[in-house]
Amino acid sequence: MRIKDYKQMMSYLTRPDPLTPKERAIKNKQNELKEQNRLLKKRKEYEVDTSSLEMKIQELEKELSEETMNKKTNPLDNIIPELTKQTILHDGADPRDHEAFYDPNSGLFTNKVKTASFRNAVDAVKWNKTINPNAYPKEASPQQMAELKGKMDKYKYIHGDKQKPFKKPELKDKPVRKPGAVPPKTNTVKMDSIPIPKFDPNLYNRAIEINNERPEQPINVPAPNLPFEETAEAKGTIFGTDAYYRRKRGL
């Protein structure tokens, strides 16, 4: 994994939660309720006892209804965002300039025009949704999909398509031999087993004795065909190679 990919992964894993703790608890209970309803439907198909599961689903529904009832609603919640949006985005201002993003120098979420700053990501996300509701679309637009397709085609053109096409393995049935069938003939040659001789210690000792009784004969190495100056007889005399060389050089 490259350093850039590792940093991107860690920034995604350690990203701040855009929901408050209460909103996150409600969201978790809603997901749990969906899962319990799925299990209930599946158990009814197999005719399994679902009394305990139905009681648990009723308790979750009761908790969710109580939390939604206790949630305080402010009549100005829908009016203030619209007034804020109309006050800030006047004379055709670009909403992207007023969106808040994290600034590593200050440690705050600020916008380009430096008119708003937030300490946490939850308030920054709410501000961005108020200023520009299209900042967090649920699905990509056709223009974004076309741009993504162009980038992927360019990557394939430069680096090549490394993904190999999937080949479905061909399963061949092995032939089953019927009981009592004659096996097919093979071109094998039967070899007789070679007998391994037994070890005879007397024969081994006699071979050693014969070897020791044999007299050692000197090896006659033929003398090499050398000139007289390099032979052993001329070595150390005035006819040797060294004396001949010195005499020729006048030394």
Protein backbone atom coordinates (compact mmCIF):
# COMPACT_ATOMS: atom_id res chain seq x y z
CA MET A 1 0.00 0.00 0.00
CA ARG A 2 1.30 3.40 -0.96
CA ILE A 3 1.63 6.24 1.57
CA LYS A 4 -1.04 8.27 -0.20
CA ASP A 5 -3.54 5.40 -0.05
CA TYR A 6 -2.70 4.74 3.63
CA LYS A 7 -3.31 8.38 4.56
CA GLN A 8 -6.58 8.40 2.64
CA MET A 9 -7.69 5.23 4.42
CA MET A 10 -6.79 6.60 7.88
CA SER A 11 -8.53 9.92 7.20
CA TYR A 12 -11.67 7.99 6.22
CA LEU A 13 -11.54 5.70 9.26
CA THR A 14 -10.94 8.59 11.70
CA ARG A 15 -13.42 10.98 10.11
CA PRO A 16 -15.76 12.74 12.58
CA ASP A 17 -19.32 11.49 12.90
CA PRO A 18 -21.73 13.98 11.26
CA LEU A 19 -24.51 12.87 13.64
CA THR A 20 -24.92 13.79 17.30
CA PRO A 21 -24.80 10.98 19.90
CA LYS A 22 -28.62 10.99 20.22
CA GLU A 23 -29.12 10.89 16.47
CA ARG A 24 -26.57 8.09 16.19
CA ALA A 25 -28.37 6.07 18.91
CA ILE A 26 -31.70 6.48 17.09
CA LYS A 27 -30.06 5.47 13.81
CA ASN A 28 -28.60 2.32 15.40
CA LYS A 29 -31.97 1.35 16.84
CA GLN A 30 -33.63 1.82 13.46
CA ASN A 31 -31.04 -0.43 11.83
CA GLU A 32 -31.50 -3.01 14.57
CA LEU A 33 -35.28 -2.89 14.07
CA LYS A 34 -34.86 -3.56 10.34
CA GLU A 35 -32.61 -6.53 11.08
CA GLN A 36 -35.07 -7.97 13.61
CA ASN A 37 -37.94 -7.64 11.14
CA ARG A 38 -35.86 -9.48 8.55
CA LEU A 39 -35.16 -12.30 11.01
CA LEU A 40 -38.85 -12.46 11.95
CA LYS A 41 -39.88 -12.85 8.32
CA LYS A 42 -37.29 -15.56 7.74
CA ARG A 43 -38.27 -17.51 10.88
CA LYS A 44 -41.92 -17.43 9.91
CA GLU A 45 -41.02 -19.02 6.60
CA TYR A 46 -39.38 -21.94 8.43
CA GLU A 47 -42.17 -22.10 11.05
CA VAL A 48 -39.88 -21.36 14.00
CA ASP A 49 -41.08 -19.98 17.34
CA THR A 50 -40.93 -16.15 17.11
CA SER A 51 -42.51 -15.09 20.42
CA SER A 52 -39.27 -13.76 21.96
CA LEU A 53 -38.30 -12.00 18.73
CA GLU A 54 -41.72 -10.31 18.46
CA MET A 55 -41.42 -9.02 22.04
CA LYS A 56 -38.00 -7.57 21.25
CA ILE A 57 -39.37 -5.85 18.13
CA GLN A 58 -42.24 -4.34 20.15
CA GLU A 59 -39.78 -2.97 22.72
CA LEU A 60 -37.64 -1.38 19.99
CA GLU A 61 -40.68 0.20 18.34
CA LYS A 62 -41.81 1.56 21.71
CA GLU A 63 -38.37 3.07 22.43
CA LEU A 64 -38.21 4.69 19.00
CA SER A 65 -41.70 6.16 19.34
CA GLU A 66 -40.85 7.59 22.79
CA GLU A 67 -37.63 9.16 21.53
CA THR A 68 -39.38 10.75 18.56
CA MET A 69 -42.16 12.04 20.86
CA ASN A 70 -39.68 13.53 23.34
CA LYS A 71 -37.73 15.25 20.61
CA LYS A 72 -38.33 18.97 20.96
CA THR A 73 -39.28 20.75 17.78
CA ASN A 74 -38.59 24.42 17.34
CA PRO A 75 -40.87 26.28 14.88
CA LEU A 76 -37.90 28.42 13.86
CA ASP A 77 -35.85 25.43 12.72
CA ASN A 78 -37.25 25.66 9.20
CA ILE A 79 -37.34 29.47 9.04
CA ILE A 80 -33.81 30.34 10.25
CA PRO A 81 -31.95 28.28 7.59
CA GLU A 82 -33.94 29.89 4.79
CA LEU A 83 -33.34 33.40 6.19
CA THR A 84 -29.63 32.63 6.59
CA LYS A 85 -29.40 31.38 3.04
CA GLN A 86 -31.17 34.45 1.61
CA THR A 87 -29.03 36.83 3.71
CA ILE A 88 -25.69 35.31 2.69
CA LEU A 89 -26.35 34.25 -0.89
CA HIS A 90 -27.30 37.59 -2.35
CA ASP A 91 -26.44 39.16 -5.73
CA GLY A 92 -25.74 35.74 -7.27
CA ALA A 93 -23.05 34.65 -4.78
CA ASP A 94 -21.54 31.22 -5.30
CA PRO A 95 -22.64 28.86 -2.49
CA ARG A 96 -19.40 26.86 -2.84
CA ASP A 97 -17.41 29.87 -1.60
CA HIS A 98 -19.45 29.85 1.63
CA GLU A 99 -19.16 26.12 2.34
CA ALA A 100 -17.02 25.31 5.38
CA PHE A 101 -14.05 22.96 5.03
CA TYR A 102 -11.36 21.90 7.47
CA ASP A 103 -8.35 24.21 7.65
CA PRO A 104 -5.25 22.43 9.06
CA ASN A 105 -3.55 25.74 9.87
CA SER A 106 -6.27 26.98 12.23
CA GLY A 107 -7.85 23.66 13.16
CA LEU A 108 -11.33 25.00 12.35
CA PHE A 109 -13.87 24.50 9.59
CA THR A 110 -13.89 27.75 7.63
CA ASN A 111 -15.06 28.91 4.19
CA LYS A 112 -13.15 30.70 1.47
CA VAL A 113 -14.52 34.16 2.22
CA LYS A 114 -13.68 33.75 5.94
CA THR A 115 -17.19 34.69 7.09
CA ALA A 116 -17.96 31.56 9.12
CA SER A 117 -15.96 29.09 11.20
CA PHE A 118 -16.92 26.03 13.21
CA ARG A 119 -15.11 23.88 15.74
CA ASN A 120 -16.61 20.50 14.85
CA ALA A 121 -17.67 18.73 11.70
CA VAL A 122 -21.33 18.34 12.77
CA ASP A 123 -21.97 22.09 12.74
CA ALA A 124 -19.98 22.48 9.52
CA VAL A 125 -22.09 19.83 7.75
CA LYS A 126 -25.31 21.47 8.91
CA TRP A 127 -24.04 24.83 7.66
CA ASN A 128 -23.08 23.38 4.29
CA LYS A 129 -26.49 21.72 3.90
CA THR A 130 -28.16 25.02 4.71
CA ILE A 131 -26.08 27.05 2.26
CA ASN A 132 -25.95 24.46 -0.51
CA PRO A 133 -28.44 21.56 -0.24
CA ASN A 134 -26.85 19.96 -3.32
CA ALA A 135 -23.47 19.70 -1.59
CA TYR A 136 -24.26 16.14 -0.40
CA PRO A 137 -26.24 14.46 -3.19
CA LYS A 138 -27.60 10.97 -2.59
CA GLU A 139 -26.49 9.76 -6.01
CA ALA A 140 -24.09 10.92 -8.69
CA SER A 141 -25.34 13.05 -11.56
CA PRO A 142 -24.99 11.90 -15.18
CA GLN A 143 -22.25 14.48 -15.69
CA GLN A 144 -20.25 13.06 -12.76
CA MET A 145 -20.69 9.52 -14.07
CA ALA A 146 -19.47 10.62 -17.50
CA GLU A 147 -16.37 12.25 -15.93
CA LEU A 148 -15.67 9.09 -13.92
CA LYS A 149 -15.99 6.91 -17.02
CA GLY A 150 -13.58 9.19 -18.91
CA LYS A 151 -10.99 8.94 -16.10
CA MET A 152 -11.29 5.15 -16.00
CA ASP A 153 -10.89 4.86 -19.78
CA LYS A 154 -7.82 7.11 -19.60
CA TYR A 155 -6.32 4.96 -16.84
CA LYS A 156 -6.93 1.79 -18.88
CA TYR A 157 -5.34 3.40 -21.93
CA ILE A 158 -2.20 4.42 -20.00
CA HIS A 159 -1.71 1.45 -17.67
CA GLY A 160 -3.59 -1.21 -19.60
CA ASP A 161 -6.40 -3.39 -18.41
CA LYS A 162 -4.65 -5.64 -15.87
CA GLN A 163 -7.82 -7.53 -14.99
CA LYS A 164 -7.84 -10.86 -16.76
CA PRO A 165 -11.12 -12.14 -18.17
CA PHE A 166 -12.76 -14.77 -16.03
CA LYS A 167 -12.63 -18.23 -17.51
CA LYS A 168 -15.10 -20.73 -16.19
CA PRO A 169 -13.26 -23.96 -15.35
CA GLU A 170 -14.27 -26.95 -17.39
CA LEU A 171 -15.17 -29.90 -15.23
CA LYS A 172 -14.52 -33.21 -16.95
CA ASP A 173 -16.11 -36.34 -15.60
CA LYS A 174 -13.63 -39.09 -14.88
CA PRO A 175 -14.47 -42.43 -16.49
CA VAL A 176 -15.87 -44.86 -13.96
CA ARG A 177 -14.62 -48.45 -14.31
CA LYS A 178 -17.35 -51.01 -14.05
CA PRO A 179 -16.94 -53.76 -11.47
CA GLY A 180 -15.23 -56.79 -12.96
CA ALA A 181 -13.97 -54.90 -16.00
CA VAL A 182 -10.56 -55.75 -17.43
CA PRO A 183 -8.06 -52.90 -16.90
CA PRO A 184 -6.60 -51.39 -20.07
CA LYS A 185 -3.33 -52.74 -21.37
CA THR A 186 -0.19 -50.72 -20.76
CA ASN A 187 3.21 -50.82 -22.43
CA THR A 188 5.03 -51.69 -19.25
CA VAL A 189 8.00 -54.08 -19.27
CA LYS A 190 8.33 -56.42 -16.34
CA MET A 191 11.87 -56.65 -14.97
CA ASP A 192 13.20 -59.52 -12.90
CA SER A 193 14.31 -58.54 -9.45
CA ILE A 194 18.08 -58.36 -9.07
CA PRO A 195 19.30 -60.41 -6.08
CA ILE A 196 21.41 -58.48 -3.59
CA PRO A 197 24.50 -60.51 -2.55
CA LYS A 198 25.03 -61.11 1.13
CA PHE A 199 28.05 -59.67 2.88
CA ASP A 200 30.87 -62.16 3.51
CA PRO A 201 33.35 -60.88 6.14
CA ASN A 202 35.92 -63.60 5.33
CA LEU A 203 36.03 -62.58 1.68
CA TYR A 204 36.43 -58.93 2.69
CA ASN A 205 39.34 -59.69 5.05
CA ARG A 206 41.07 -61.84 2.39
CA ALA A 207 40.87 -58.98 -0.12
CA ILE A 208 42.54 -56.65 2.37
CA GLU A 209 45.33 -59.17 3.06
CA ILE A 210 46.03 -59.60 -0.66
CA ASN A 211 46.23 -55.86 -1.06
CA ASN A 212 48.70 -55.55 1.82
CA GLU A 213 50.91 -58.37 0.50
CA ARG A 214 51.33 -56.66 -2.88
CA PRO A 215 54.76 -54.93 -2.96
CA GLU A 216 54.90 -51.29 -3.72
CA GLN A 217 56.62 -50.64 -7.05
CA PRO A 218 58.14 -47.28 -7.83
CA ILE A 219 56.36 -45.35 -10.45
CA ASN A 220 58.63 -44.63 -13.42
CA VAL A 221 57.81 -41.22 -14.73
CA PRO A 222 59.38 -40.53 -18.10
CA ALA A 223 61.78 -37.62 -18.04
CA PRO A 224 60.54 -34.61 -19.91
CA ASN A 225 62.25 -33.68 -23.19
CA LEU A 226 64.07 -30.52 -22.04
CA PRO A 227 67.12 -28.71 -23.45
CA PHE A 228 70.44 -29.38 -21.79
CA GLU A 229 70.57 -25.97 -20.05
CA GLU A 230 67.39 -26.75 -18.10
CA THR A 231 68.21 -30.32 -17.04
CA ALA A 232 69.24 -31.27 -13.51
CA GLU A 233 72.76 -32.11 -14.66
CA ALA A 234 73.44 -28.59 -15.95
CA LYS A 235 71.78 -26.87 -13.01
CA GLY A 236 74.32 -25.03 -10.82
CA THR A 237 77.10 -25.20 -13.43
CA ILE A 238 78.34 -22.78 -16.04
CA PHE A 239 76.13 -24.54 -18.55
CA GLY A 240 72.94 -23.96 -16.58
CA THR A 241 70.13 -21.67 -17.68
CA ASP A 242 71.04 -18.91 -15.24
CA ALA A 243 74.75 -18.88 -16.15
CA TYR A 244 73.94 -19.05 -19.86
CA TYR A 245 71.55 -16.11 -19.51
CA ARG A 246 74.09 -14.01 -17.57
CA ARG A 247 76.85 -14.87 -20.05
CA LYS A 248 74.70 -13.86 -23.00
CA ARG A 249 73.82 -10.53 -21.37
CA GLY A 250 77.43 -9.86 -20.37
CA LEU A 251 76.69 -9.70 -16.66
